[in-house]
N, C-alpha and C. Protein backbone atom coordinates (compact mmCIF):
# COMPACT_ATOMS: atom_id res chain seq x y z
N UNK A 1 -7.48 36.82 35.78
CA UNK A 1 -6.75 36.22 36.49
C UNK A 1 -6.09 34.55 37.03
N UNK A 2 -4.90 34.49 37.02
CA UNK A 2 -4.78 32.93 36.69
C UNK A 2 -5.26 32.48 38.03
N UNK A 3 -5.55 30.85 37.57
CA UNK A 3 -6.02 30.08 38.81
C UNK A 3 -4.49 29.03 39.06
N UNK A 4 -4.61 28.26 40.11
CA UNK A 4 -3.75 27.00 40.20
C UNK A 4 -4.21 25.93 40.32
N UNK A 5 -3.72 24.84 39.74
CA UNK A 5 -4.30 23.63 39.74
C UNK A 5 -3.48 22.50 40.66
N UNK A 6 -3.84 21.96 41.80
CA UNK A 6 -3.42 20.89 42.76
C UNK A 6 -3.76 19.72 42.29
N UNK A 7 -2.76 19.17 41.92
CA UNK A 7 -2.62 17.65 41.22
C UNK A 7 -1.82 17.04 42.58
N UNK A 8 -2.62 15.61 42.82
CA UNK A 8 -2.09 14.74 43.56
C UNK A 8 -2.02 13.55 42.88
N UNK A 9 -0.59 12.87 42.75
CA UNK A 9 -0.48 11.47 42.26
C UNK A 9 0.12 10.71 43.41
N UNK A 10 -0.54 9.47 43.36
CA UNK A 10 0.11 8.26 43.88
C UNK A 10 0.65 7.42 42.83
N UNK A 11 2.00 7.17 42.97
CA UNK A 11 2.52 6.27 42.12
C UNK A 11 2.43 4.83 42.42
N UNK A 12 2.64 3.80 41.45
CA UNK A 12 2.50 2.61 41.99
C UNK A 12 3.48 2.38 42.87
N UNK A 13 3.84 1.83 43.72
CA UNK A 13 5.04 1.04 44.81
C UNK A 13 6.08 1.37 43.97
N UNK A 14 6.91 2.11 44.56
CA UNK A 14 8.37 1.97 44.01
C UNK A 14 8.53 2.59 42.60
N UNK A 15 7.42 3.37 42.23
CA UNK A 15 7.55 4.06 40.82
C UNK A 15 7.60 5.32 40.80
N UNK A 16 7.91 6.13 41.95
CA UNK A 16 7.82 7.58 42.13
C UNK A 16 8.76 8.51 41.14
N UNK A 17 9.97 7.87 41.33
CA UNK A 17 10.96 8.70 40.52
C UNK A 17 10.58 8.44 38.58
N UNK A 18 10.02 7.26 38.32
CA UNK A 18 9.56 6.93 37.05
C UNK A 18 8.38 7.72 36.36
N UNK A 19 7.93 8.05 37.51
CA UNK A 19 6.21 8.76 37.56
C UNK A 19 6.89 10.25 37.18
N UNK A 20 7.88 10.75 38.11
CA UNK A 20 8.61 12.11 37.82
C UNK A 20 9.38 12.22 36.36
N UNK A 21 9.84 11.31 36.22
CA UNK A 21 10.38 11.35 34.99
C UNK A 21 9.39 11.42 33.61
N UNK A 22 8.43 10.88 33.86
CA UNK A 22 7.04 10.76 32.53
C UNK A 22 6.52 11.68 32.70
N UNK A 23 6.38 12.83 34.25
CA UNK A 23 5.87 14.37 33.94
C UNK A 23 6.98 15.18 33.31
N UNK A 24 8.08 14.94 33.53
CA UNK A 24 9.14 15.98 33.08
C UNK A 24 9.18 15.84 31.44
N UNK A 25 9.20 14.54 30.89
CA UNK A 25 9.08 14.31 29.88
C UNK A 25 7.81 14.66 28.97
N UNK A 26 6.62 14.97 29.79
CA UNK A 26 5.40 15.39 29.46
C UNK A 26 5.58 16.92 29.01
N UNK A 27 5.98 17.73 29.92
CA UNK A 27 6.35 19.01 30.01
C UNK A 27 7.06 19.62 29.35
N UNK A 28 8.19 18.68 28.79
CA UNK A 28 9.28 19.17 27.95
C UNK A 28 8.55 18.55 26.58
N UNK A 29 7.64 17.78 26.46
CA UNK A 29 7.30 17.72 25.27
C UNK A 29 6.05 18.57 24.41
N UNK A 30 5.26 18.79 25.68
CA UNK A 30 3.94 19.26 25.12
C UNK A 30 3.90 20.68 26.04
N UNK A 31 4.30 20.85 27.18
CA UNK A 31 4.27 22.14 27.95
C UNK A 31 4.20 23.35 27.37
N UNK A 32 5.38 23.68 26.18
CA UNK A 32 5.60 25.13 25.86
C UNK A 32 4.58 25.47 24.69
N UNK A 33 3.83 24.45 24.36
CA UNK A 33 2.66 24.77 23.35
C UNK A 33 1.53 24.84 23.77
N UNK A 34 1.41 24.64 25.16
CA UNK A 34 -0.08 24.72 25.70
C UNK A 34 -0.63 25.97 25.89
N UNK A 35 -1.48 26.50 25.12
CA UNK A 35 -1.74 27.78 25.24
C UNK A 35 -2.47 28.00 26.87
N UNK A 36 -2.25 28.88 27.58
CA UNK A 36 -2.70 29.49 28.77
C UNK A 36 -1.61 28.92 30.01
N UNK A 37 -1.19 27.69 29.65
CA UNK A 37 0.06 26.91 30.78
C UNK A 37 0.95 27.99 31.03
N UNK A 38 1.12 28.33 32.44
CA UNK A 38 2.15 29.38 32.78
C UNK A 38 3.16 28.77 33.77
N UNK A 39 3.17 27.31 34.11
CA UNK A 39 4.19 26.72 34.89
C UNK A 39 3.66 26.07 35.79
N UNK A 40 4.63 25.13 36.33
CA UNK A 40 4.40 24.49 37.57
C UNK A 40 5.42 23.89 38.57
N UNK A 41 5.04 23.54 39.87
CA UNK A 41 6.53 23.58 40.35
C UNK A 41 5.89 21.88 41.24
N UNK A 42 6.76 21.30 41.48
CA UNK A 42 6.59 19.68 41.83
C UNK A 42 7.05 19.55 43.37
N UNK A 43 6.33 18.74 44.38
CA UNK A 43 6.21 18.54 45.76
C UNK A 43 6.65 17.14 46.06
N UNK A 44 7.40 16.45 46.83
CA UNK A 44 7.25 15.09 47.55
C UNK A 44 6.65 15.40 48.97
N UNK A 45 5.51 14.61 49.24
CA UNK A 45 4.87 14.78 50.66
C UNK A 45 5.91 14.04 51.55
N UNK A 46 6.52 14.81 52.76
CA UNK A 46 6.87 13.99 53.46
C UNK A 46 6.61 12.67 53.87
N UNK A 47 7.12 11.54 54.20
CA UNK A 47 6.67 10.26 54.76
C UNK A 47 5.57 9.71 54.00
N UNK A 48 5.51 10.12 52.74
CA UNK A 48 4.83 9.35 51.63
C UNK A 48 5.43 9.06 50.08
N UNK A 49 6.14 8.04 50.26
CA UNK A 49 7.29 7.94 49.31
C UNK A 49 6.80 7.65 47.91
N UNK A 50 5.19 7.27 47.99
CA UNK A 50 4.80 7.00 46.47
C UNK A 50 4.04 8.07 45.70
N UNK A 51 3.91 9.51 46.53
CA UNK A 51 3.24 10.44 46.26
C UNK A 51 4.15 11.45 45.65
N UNK A 52 3.31 12.38 45.13
CA UNK A 52 3.67 13.91 44.49
C UNK A 52 2.51 14.54 44.30
N UNK A 53 2.75 15.86 44.36
CA UNK A 53 2.20 16.80 44.23
C UNK A 53 2.92 17.94 43.29
N UNK A 54 1.75 18.40 42.39
CA UNK A 54 2.31 19.44 41.31
C UNK A 54 1.16 20.49 41.10
N UNK A 55 1.64 21.54 41.65
CA UNK A 55 1.01 22.94 41.45
C UNK A 55 1.08 23.54 40.31
N UNK A 56 0.04 23.65 39.23
CA UNK A 56 0.33 24.10 38.18
C UNK A 56 -0.38 25.45 38.23
N UNK A 57 -0.05 26.69 37.26
CA UNK A 57 -0.35 27.88 37.17
C UNK A 57 -0.91 27.90 35.68
N UNK A 58 -2.41 28.43 35.39
CA UNK A 58 -3.00 28.45 34.47
C UNK A 58 -3.47 29.67 34.16
N UNK A 59 -4.04 30.46 33.07
CA UNK A 59 -4.11 31.84 32.74
C UNK A 59 -5.98 31.78 32.98
N UNK A 60 -6.59 30.82 32.74
CA UNK A 60 -7.96 30.62 33.29
C UNK A 60 -7.99 29.09 33.43
N UNK A 61 -9.51 28.91 34.00
CA UNK A 61 -10.10 27.91 34.21
C UNK A 61 -10.42 26.93 32.86
N UNK A 62 -10.74 27.90 32.05
CA UNK A 62 -11.04 27.33 30.83
C UNK A 62 -9.95 26.72 29.71
N UNK A 63 -8.99 27.83 29.67
CA UNK A 63 -7.33 27.01 29.28
C UNK A 63 -7.10 25.69 29.83
N UNK A 64 -7.30 25.62 31.31
CA UNK A 64 -7.10 24.28 32.07
C UNK A 64 -7.73 23.02 31.42
N UNK A 65 -9.24 23.41 30.99
CA UNK A 65 -10.30 22.36 30.63
C UNK A 65 -10.05 21.80 29.33
N UNK A 66 -9.47 22.83 28.45
CA UNK A 66 -9.10 22.75 27.07
C UNK A 66 -8.25 21.57 27.09
N UNK A 67 -7.17 22.36 27.83
CA UNK A 67 -5.51 20.95 27.62
C UNK A 67 -6.31 19.93 27.80
N UNK A 68 -6.89 19.66 29.25
CA UNK A 68 -7.28 18.23 29.72
C UNK A 68 -7.75 17.80 28.61
N UNK A 69 -9.01 18.25 28.18
CA UNK A 69 -9.84 17.69 26.98
C UNK A 69 -9.12 17.23 25.79
N UNK A 70 -7.95 17.98 25.24
CA UNK A 70 -7.28 17.67 24.33
C UNK A 70 -6.32 16.81 24.62
N UNK A 71 -5.91 16.48 25.61
CA UNK A 71 -4.71 15.56 26.10
C UNK A 71 -5.52 14.34 26.38
N UNK A 72 -6.76 14.02 26.93
CA UNK A 72 -7.18 13.00 27.07
C UNK A 72 -7.63 12.48 25.41
N UNK A 73 -8.09 13.18 25.10
CA UNK A 73 -8.60 12.69 23.44
C UNK A 73 -7.24 12.17 22.87
N UNK A 74 -6.27 12.86 22.75
CA UNK A 74 -5.00 12.36 22.28
C UNK A 74 -4.24 11.42 22.72
N UNK A 75 -4.54 11.07 24.14
CA UNK A 75 -4.07 10.26 24.66
C UNK A 75 -2.55 10.42 25.31
N UNK A 76 -2.29 11.58 25.47
CA UNK A 76 -0.70 11.99 25.75
C UNK A 76 -0.65 11.72 27.19
N UNK A 77 -1.76 11.67 28.13
CA UNK A 77 -1.41 11.50 29.46
C UNK A 77 -1.46 9.74 29.82
N UNK A 78 -1.73 9.24 28.76
CA UNK A 78 -1.40 7.75 29.08
C UNK A 78 -0.37 7.28 29.61
N UNK A 79 0.88 7.44 29.55
CA UNK A 79 1.84 7.13 30.01
C UNK A 79 2.38 7.62 31.50
N UNK A 80 1.71 8.85 32.00
CA UNK A 80 2.09 8.94 33.21
C UNK A 80 0.87 8.36 34.10
N UNK A 81 -0.52 7.94 33.48
CA UNK A 81 -2.06 7.66 34.11
C UNK A 81 -1.37 6.30 34.57
N UNK A 82 -0.43 5.22 33.50
CA UNK A 82 0.13 4.10 33.72
C UNK A 82 0.69 3.61 35.00
N UNK A 83 1.48 4.68 35.19
CA UNK A 83 2.47 4.70 36.54
C UNK A 83 1.70 5.15 37.93
N UNK A 84 0.49 5.45 37.84
CA UNK A 84 -0.35 5.52 39.06
C UNK A 84 -1.17 4.31 39.44
N UNK A 85 -1.21 4.29 40.97
CA UNK A 85 -1.81 3.27 41.55
C UNK A 85 -3.55 3.81 41.96
N UNK A 86 -3.77 4.89 41.87
CA UNK A 86 -5.17 5.63 42.19
C UNK A 86 -5.24 6.40 40.99
N UNK A 87 -6.67 7.08 41.02
CA UNK A 87 -7.02 8.33 40.08
C UNK A 87 -6.28 9.32 40.70
N UNK A 88 -6.04 10.26 40.01
CA UNK A 88 -5.46 11.48 40.39
C UNK A 88 -6.47 12.48 41.29
N UNK A 89 -6.02 13.35 42.10
CA UNK A 89 -6.92 14.00 42.95
C UNK A 89 -6.36 15.46 41.95
N UNK A 90 -7.34 16.40 41.68
CA UNK A 90 -7.18 17.24 41.10
C UNK A 90 -8.25 18.56 41.82
N UNK A 91 -7.64 19.48 42.03
CA UNK A 91 -8.36 20.43 42.83
C UNK A 91 -7.89 21.94 41.99
N UNK A 92 -9.08 22.52 41.71
CA UNK A 92 -8.76 24.02 41.04
C UNK A 92 -8.94 25.28 42.05
N UNK A 93 -8.04 26.03 41.93
CA UNK A 93 -8.00 26.98 42.99
C UNK A 93 -8.02 28.27 42.56
N UNK A 94 -8.76 29.17 42.95
CA UNK A 94 -9.24 30.34 42.48
C UNK A 94 -8.47 31.78 43.51
N UNK A 95 -8.07 32.67 43.36
CA UNK A 95 -7.63 33.83 44.39
C UNK A 95 -8.95 33.77 44.86
N UNK A 96 -8.81 34.18 46.09
CA UNK A 96 -9.87 35.13 47.12
C UNK A 96 -9.99 36.63 46.51
N UNK A 97 -11.13 36.88 46.26
CA UNK A 97 -11.35 38.42 46.08
C UNK A 97 -11.13 39.33 46.85
């Protein structure tokens, strides 16, 4: 059963558009080849101009973990992390049975 991953980003002040562009570039460059990645949708919280929220769908927890491990080791998240003002908040969600 697919899972969802909620990722909360806080961009450096005034850098949300740049962060969004970096996320788009990351998905364009790497998203199509990621095993288990089913897609994502991004949201902008109302009244929080430096925040972004992404909800990604994955085939399994393990597929998500494998991707994160490989991407961190390869440094592919570096351009995104350089634009953030705080650590990412990541919540992995599974449907209730």
